[in-house]
Amino acid sequence: MKKIRMVAAALLLVSASAHAEVSVSTYKQAVAAGGAVKSTAETYAIGVARGIFWSNAAITHDTGTPMFCMPPKLGTDQDMVLSITNRYIKEHVGKGVVDNDTSIELIVLLALKDTFPCP
């Protein structure tokens, strides 16, 4: 069983790199599968968030206008990223703006902007 999960996780990664993005539907299926597949999907979403955090820092440095505004003393961790991403999916997917075909990469960005709007 463990070997099957590892193969499934590897297939998820190959699928993601072949299509260059992961849909909400694929992300939700992977999370629901549990085990190594869930871990792979969550690790991917966390990696996307890290890239977005660095992009936000660079954009803020270059233009003075961030994409989102986190409170200065708030530390980010993996659980927070997953929590706000999963909350955004539950609250917004299928309700007009984004759907199950939307890339999880865009969902992570929208979740950060929704959770940490700029004044």
N, C-alpha and C. Protein backbone atom coordinates (compact mmCIF):
# COMPACT_ATOMS: atom_id res chain seq x y z
N MET A 1 0.82 -1.19 0.00
CA MET A 1 0.00 0.00 0.00
C MET A 1 0.87 1.26 0.00
N LYS A 2 1.94 1.22 0.79
CA LYS A 2 2.82 2.38 0.86
C LYS A 2 3.47 2.63 -0.50
N LYS A 3 3.81 1.56 -1.19
CA LYS A 3 4.42 1.70 -2.51
C LYS A 3 3.44 2.32 -3.50
N ILE A 4 2.17 1.94 -3.42
CA ILE A 4 1.15 2.51 -4.30
C ILE A 4 1.01 4.00 -4.06
N ARG A 5 1.03 4.40 -2.80
CA ARG A 5 0.91 5.84 -2.48
C ARG A 5 2.11 6.62 -3.00
N MET A 6 3.29 6.04 -2.89
CA MET A 6 4.48 6.72 -3.39
C MET A 6 4.42 6.86 -4.91
N VAL A 7 3.94 5.83 -5.60
CA VAL A 7 3.79 5.91 -7.05
C VAL A 7 2.75 6.97 -7.41
N ALA A 8 1.65 7.00 -6.67
CA ALA A 8 0.62 8.00 -6.93
C ALA A 8 1.16 9.41 -6.71
N ALA A 9 1.97 9.59 -5.66
CA ALA A 9 2.56 10.90 -5.40
C ALA A 9 3.50 11.30 -6.54
N ALA A 10 4.27 10.34 -7.01
CA ALA A 10 5.18 10.62 -8.13
C ALA A 10 4.39 10.99 -9.38
N LEU A 11 3.29 10.28 -9.62
CA LEU A 11 2.44 10.59 -10.78
C LEU A 11 1.85 11.99 -10.67
N LEU A 12 1.48 12.38 -9.46
CA LEU A 12 0.95 13.74 -9.26
C LEU A 12 2.00 14.77 -9.63
N LEU A 13 3.24 14.55 -9.21
CA LEU A 13 4.31 15.48 -9.53
C LEU A 13 4.58 15.52 -11.03
N VAL A 14 4.59 14.36 -11.67
CA VAL A 14 4.81 14.31 -13.12
C VAL A 14 3.67 15.02 -13.83
N SER A 15 2.46 14.79 -13.39
CA SER A 15 1.30 15.44 -13.98
C SER A 15 1.41 16.95 -13.83
N ALA A 16 1.81 17.39 -12.65
CA ALA A 16 1.92 18.83 -12.39
C ALA A 16 2.97 19.46 -13.30
N SER A 17 4.11 18.82 -13.45
CA SER A 17 5.15 19.41 -14.28
C SER A 17 4.81 19.32 -15.77
N ALA A 18 4.05 18.29 -16.18
CA ALA A 18 3.67 18.16 -17.57
C ALA A 18 2.66 19.24 -17.96
N HIS A 19 1.80 19.63 -17.05
CA HIS A 19 0.80 20.64 -17.33
C HIS A 19 1.20 22.01 -16.80
N ALA A 20 2.26 22.09 -16.05
CA ALA A 20 2.79 23.33 -15.50
C ALA A 20 1.90 23.97 -14.45
N GLU A 21 0.79 23.34 -14.12
CA GLU A 21 -0.04 23.82 -13.02
C GLU A 21 -0.92 22.68 -12.54
N VAL A 22 -1.42 22.83 -11.33
CA VAL A 22 -2.28 21.82 -10.71
C VAL A 22 -3.65 22.45 -10.50
N SER A 23 -4.69 21.79 -10.96
CA SER A 23 -6.04 22.34 -10.80
C SER A 23 -6.52 22.14 -9.37
N VAL A 24 -7.53 22.91 -9.01
CA VAL A 24 -8.17 22.75 -7.70
C VAL A 24 -8.68 21.32 -7.55
N SER A 25 -9.27 20.81 -8.60
CA SER A 25 -9.81 19.44 -8.57
C SER A 25 -8.72 18.42 -8.26
N THR A 26 -7.57 18.53 -8.91
CA THR A 26 -6.46 17.62 -8.66
C THR A 26 -5.95 17.77 -7.23
N TYR A 27 -5.84 19.01 -6.77
CA TYR A 27 -5.39 19.27 -5.40
C TYR A 27 -6.34 18.64 -4.39
N LYS A 28 -7.65 18.85 -4.57
CA LYS A 28 -8.64 18.31 -3.63
C LYS A 28 -8.61 16.78 -3.63
N GLN A 29 -8.47 16.17 -4.80
CA GLN A 29 -8.39 14.70 -4.88
C GLN A 29 -7.17 14.18 -4.14
N ALA A 30 -6.05 14.86 -4.32
CA ALA A 30 -4.81 14.44 -3.66
C ALA A 30 -4.92 14.58 -2.14
N VAL A 31 -5.49 15.68 -1.67
CA VAL A 31 -5.66 15.88 -0.23
C VAL A 31 -6.60 14.82 0.34
N ALA A 32 -7.66 14.51 -0.39
CA ALA A 32 -8.61 13.50 0.08
C ALA A 32 -8.00 12.11 0.10
N ALA A 33 -7.03 11.85 -0.76
CA ALA A 33 -6.39 10.53 -0.82
C ALA A 33 -5.59 10.23 0.44
N GLY A 34 -5.09 11.28 1.08
CA GLY A 34 -4.33 11.09 2.31
C GLY A 34 -2.91 10.60 2.05
N GLY A 35 -2.22 10.33 3.12
CA GLY A 35 -0.87 9.77 3.05
C GLY A 35 0.11 10.60 2.26
N ALA A 36 0.96 9.89 1.50
CA ALA A 36 2.03 10.55 0.75
C ALA A 36 1.47 11.44 -0.36
N VAL A 37 0.33 11.07 -0.93
CA VAL A 37 -0.27 11.89 -1.99
C VAL A 37 -0.72 13.23 -1.41
N LYS A 38 -1.37 13.19 -0.26
CA LYS A 38 -1.79 14.42 0.42
C LYS A 38 -0.57 15.27 0.77
N SER A 39 0.44 14.64 1.31
CA SER A 39 1.65 15.35 1.70
C SER A 39 2.31 16.03 0.49
N THR A 40 2.32 15.34 -0.64
CA THR A 40 2.91 15.92 -1.86
C THR A 40 2.12 17.14 -2.31
N ALA A 41 0.80 17.03 -2.32
CA ALA A 41 -0.04 18.15 -2.73
C ALA A 41 0.14 19.34 -1.80
N GLU A 42 0.16 19.08 -0.51
CA GLU A 42 0.32 20.17 0.45
C GLU A 42 1.71 20.80 0.35
N THR A 43 2.72 19.99 0.16
CA THR A 43 4.08 20.52 0.00
C THR A 43 4.16 21.40 -1.24
N TYR A 44 3.48 21.00 -2.29
CA TYR A 44 3.44 21.80 -3.51
C TYR A 44 2.79 23.16 -3.24
N ALA A 45 1.63 23.16 -2.58
CA ALA A 45 0.93 24.41 -2.28
C ALA A 45 1.79 25.32 -1.39
N ILE A 46 2.49 24.73 -0.44
CA ILE A 46 3.37 25.52 0.44
C ILE A 46 4.52 26.12 -0.37
N GLY A 47 5.08 25.35 -1.30
CA GLY A 47 6.14 25.87 -2.16
C GLY A 47 5.66 27.01 -3.03
N VAL A 48 4.45 26.88 -3.55
CA VAL A 48 3.85 27.96 -4.33
C VAL A 48 3.74 29.21 -3.47
N ALA A 49 3.24 29.05 -2.25
CA ALA A 49 3.09 30.19 -1.34
C ALA A 49 4.43 30.86 -1.06
N ARG A 50 5.48 30.06 -0.86
CA ARG A 50 6.81 30.64 -0.62
C ARG A 50 7.25 31.50 -1.80
N GLY A 51 7.01 31.01 -3.01
CA GLY A 51 7.34 31.80 -4.19
C GLY A 51 6.55 33.09 -4.24
N ILE A 52 5.28 33.01 -3.87
CA ILE A 52 4.44 34.20 -3.86
C ILE A 52 4.90 35.19 -2.79
N PHE A 53 5.30 34.69 -1.62
CA PHE A 53 5.82 35.58 -0.57
C PHE A 53 7.04 36.35 -1.09
N TRP A 54 7.97 35.65 -1.75
CA TRP A 54 9.17 36.30 -2.29
C TRP A 54 8.80 37.27 -3.41
N SER A 55 7.85 36.90 -4.24
CA SER A 55 7.39 37.81 -5.30
C SER A 55 6.79 39.08 -4.70
N ASN A 56 6.00 38.90 -3.64
CA ASN A 56 5.39 40.05 -2.97
C ASN A 56 6.47 40.97 -2.40
N ALA A 57 7.50 40.38 -1.81
CA ALA A 57 8.59 41.19 -1.26
C ALA A 57 9.32 41.95 -2.37
N ALA A 58 9.57 41.29 -3.49
CA ALA A 58 10.27 41.96 -4.60
C ALA A 58 9.42 43.06 -5.21
N ILE A 59 8.13 42.79 -5.41
CA ILE A 59 7.23 43.80 -5.97
C ILE A 59 7.12 45.00 -5.03
N THR A 60 7.01 44.72 -3.74
CA THR A 60 6.93 45.80 -2.75
C THR A 60 8.20 46.64 -2.78
N HIS A 61 9.34 45.99 -2.87
CA HIS A 61 10.62 46.70 -2.93
C HIS A 61 10.72 47.56 -4.18
N ASP A 62 10.31 46.99 -5.32
CA ASP A 62 10.46 47.69 -6.60
C ASP A 62 9.43 48.79 -6.81
N THR A 63 8.20 48.57 -6.36
CA THR A 63 7.13 49.52 -6.69
C THR A 63 6.54 50.22 -5.47
N GLY A 64 6.75 49.66 -4.29
CA GLY A 64 6.15 50.22 -3.09
C GLY A 64 4.72 49.77 -2.89
N THR A 65 4.18 48.96 -3.81
CA THR A 65 2.80 48.51 -3.73
C THR A 65 2.76 46.98 -3.67
N PRO A 66 2.46 46.42 -2.51
CA PRO A 66 2.42 44.97 -2.39
C PRO A 66 1.13 44.37 -2.97
N MET A 67 1.20 43.07 -3.25
CA MET A 67 0.00 42.35 -3.70
C MET A 67 -0.94 42.08 -2.53
N PHE A 68 -0.36 41.85 -1.36
CA PHE A 68 -1.12 41.62 -0.14
C PHE A 68 -0.29 42.15 1.02
N CYS A 69 -0.95 42.40 2.16
CA CYS A 69 -0.28 43.05 3.28
C CYS A 69 -0.46 42.24 4.56
N MET A 70 0.54 41.46 4.88
CA MET A 70 0.50 40.70 6.13
C MET A 70 0.86 41.60 7.29
N PRO A 71 0.26 41.36 8.45
CA PRO A 71 0.66 42.12 9.63
C PRO A 71 2.16 41.93 9.88
N PRO A 72 2.85 43.00 10.28
CA PRO A 72 4.31 42.95 10.39
C PRO A 72 4.87 41.89 11.33
N LYS A 73 4.18 41.58 12.41
CA LYS A 73 4.72 40.63 13.39
C LYS A 73 4.16 39.22 13.23
N LEU A 74 3.36 39.01 12.19
CA LEU A 74 2.78 37.69 11.98
C LEU A 74 3.78 36.80 11.26
N GLY A 75 4.11 35.71 11.89
CA GLY A 75 4.97 34.73 11.23
C GLY A 75 4.12 33.78 10.41
N THR A 76 4.65 33.35 9.30
CA THR A 76 3.90 32.40 8.49
C THR A 76 4.44 31.00 8.71
N ASP A 77 3.54 30.06 8.66
CA ASP A 77 3.97 28.67 8.75
C ASP A 77 3.13 27.84 7.78
N GLN A 78 3.51 26.60 7.64
CA GLN A 78 2.85 25.73 6.69
C GLN A 78 1.37 25.55 6.99
N ASP A 79 1.03 25.39 8.24
CA ASP A 79 -0.37 25.19 8.62
C ASP A 79 -1.22 26.40 8.24
N MET A 80 -0.68 27.61 8.41
CA MET A 80 -1.42 28.81 8.05
C MET A 80 -1.67 28.85 6.54
N VAL A 81 -0.65 28.55 5.76
CA VAL A 81 -0.80 28.56 4.30
C VAL A 81 -1.88 27.57 3.87
N LEU A 82 -1.83 26.36 4.42
CA LEU A 82 -2.82 25.34 4.05
C LEU A 82 -4.21 25.73 4.53
N SER A 83 -4.29 26.30 5.71
CA SER A 83 -5.58 26.70 6.27
C SER A 83 -6.25 27.76 5.41
N ILE A 84 -5.52 28.81 5.05
CA ILE A 84 -6.15 29.87 4.26
C ILE A 84 -6.43 29.41 2.83
N THR A 85 -5.59 28.53 2.29
CA THR A 85 -5.83 28.00 0.95
C THR A 85 -7.09 27.14 0.95
N ASN A 86 -7.20 26.23 1.91
CA ASN A 86 -8.36 25.35 1.98
C ASN A 86 -9.64 26.12 2.30
N ARG A 87 -9.54 27.15 3.14
CA ARG A 87 -10.70 28.00 3.43
C ARG A 87 -11.15 28.70 2.17
N TYR A 88 -10.21 29.25 1.42
CA TYR A 88 -10.56 29.96 0.18
C TYR A 88 -11.26 29.02 -0.80
N ILE A 89 -10.76 27.81 -0.92
CA ILE A 89 -11.39 26.83 -1.81
C ILE A 89 -12.84 26.59 -1.37
N LYS A 90 -13.06 26.36 -0.08
CA LYS A 90 -14.42 26.09 0.42
C LYS A 90 -15.35 27.27 0.20
N GLU A 91 -14.84 28.49 0.39
CA GLU A 91 -15.70 29.68 0.31
C GLU A 91 -15.91 30.21 -1.10
N HIS A 92 -15.00 29.93 -2.04
CA HIS A 92 -15.06 30.60 -3.34
C HIS A 92 -15.17 29.69 -4.56
N VAL A 93 -14.64 28.49 -4.48
CA VAL A 93 -14.65 27.63 -5.67
C VAL A 93 -16.07 27.21 -6.00
N GLY A 94 -16.44 27.40 -7.27
CA GLY A 94 -17.77 27.04 -7.74
C GLY A 94 -18.83 28.08 -7.47
N LYS A 95 -18.41 29.26 -7.06
CA LYS A 95 -19.38 30.30 -6.72
C LYS A 95 -19.24 31.51 -7.64
N GLY A 96 -18.75 31.28 -8.85
CA GLY A 96 -18.75 32.35 -9.83
C GLY A 96 -17.40 32.84 -10.31
N VAL A 97 -16.43 32.99 -9.43
CA VAL A 97 -15.15 33.56 -9.83
C VAL A 97 -14.15 32.48 -10.21
N VAL A 98 -14.03 31.48 -9.40
CA VAL A 98 -13.09 30.39 -9.64
C VAL A 98 -13.83 29.06 -9.57
N ASP A 99 -13.29 28.06 -10.28
CA ASP A 99 -13.93 26.74 -10.26
C ASP A 99 -12.88 25.65 -10.07
N ASN A 100 -13.29 24.41 -10.21
CA ASN A 100 -12.38 23.29 -9.98
C ASN A 100 -11.27 23.17 -11.02
N ASP A 101 -11.42 23.87 -12.15
CA ASP A 101 -10.36 23.88 -13.17
C ASP A 101 -9.34 24.97 -12.94
N THR A 102 -9.61 25.87 -12.00
CA THR A 102 -8.68 26.96 -11.69
C THR A 102 -7.40 26.37 -11.11
N SER A 103 -6.27 26.96 -11.43
CA SER A 103 -5.00 26.45 -10.92
C SER A 103 -4.87 26.72 -9.42
N ILE A 104 -4.30 25.76 -8.73
CA ILE A 104 -4.09 25.93 -7.28
C ILE A 104 -3.11 27.07 -7.03
N GLU A 105 -2.23 27.34 -7.99
CA GLU A 105 -1.29 28.44 -7.85
C GLU A 105 -2.04 29.77 -7.75
N LEU A 106 -3.04 29.96 -8.61
CA LEU A 106 -3.84 31.18 -8.53
C LEU A 106 -4.66 31.21 -7.24
N ILE A 107 -5.17 30.07 -6.84
CA ILE A 107 -5.96 30.00 -5.60
C ILE A 107 -5.11 30.43 -4.40
N VAL A 108 -3.87 29.98 -4.34
CA VAL A 108 -2.99 30.36 -3.22
C VAL A 108 -2.81 31.88 -3.21
N LEU A 109 -2.56 32.47 -4.38
CA LEU A 109 -2.41 33.92 -4.46
C LEU A 109 -3.69 34.64 -4.03
N LEU A 110 -4.82 34.20 -4.55
CA LEU A 110 -6.09 34.83 -4.19
C LEU A 110 -6.40 34.67 -2.71
N ALA A 111 -6.04 33.52 -2.15
CA ALA A 111 -6.26 33.28 -0.72
C ALA A 111 -5.44 34.25 0.12
N LEU A 112 -4.20 34.48 -0.28
CA LEU A 112 -3.35 35.43 0.45
C LEU A 112 -3.89 36.85 0.33
N LYS A 113 -4.33 37.23 -0.86
CA LYS A 113 -4.89 38.57 -1.06
C LYS A 113 -6.19 38.75 -0.28
N ASP A 114 -7.00 37.70 -0.22
CA ASP A 114 -8.27 37.75 0.50
C ASP A 114 -8.05 37.83 2.02
N THR A 115 -7.08 37.07 2.49
CA THR A 115 -6.81 37.00 3.93
C THR A 115 -6.06 38.23 4.44
N PHE A 116 -5.17 38.76 3.61
CA PHE A 116 -4.33 39.88 4.01
C PHE A 116 -4.47 41.06 3.04
N PRO A 117 -5.67 41.66 2.96
CA PRO A 117 -5.84 42.78 2.03
C PRO A 117 -5.02 43.99 2.49
N CYS A 118 -4.65 44.79 1.54
CA CYS A 118 -3.92 46.02 1.86
C CYS A 118 -4.92 47.14 2.16
N PRO A 119 -4.55 48.01 3.10
CA PRO A 119 -5.46 49.11 3.45
C PRO A 119 -5.66 50.08 2.30
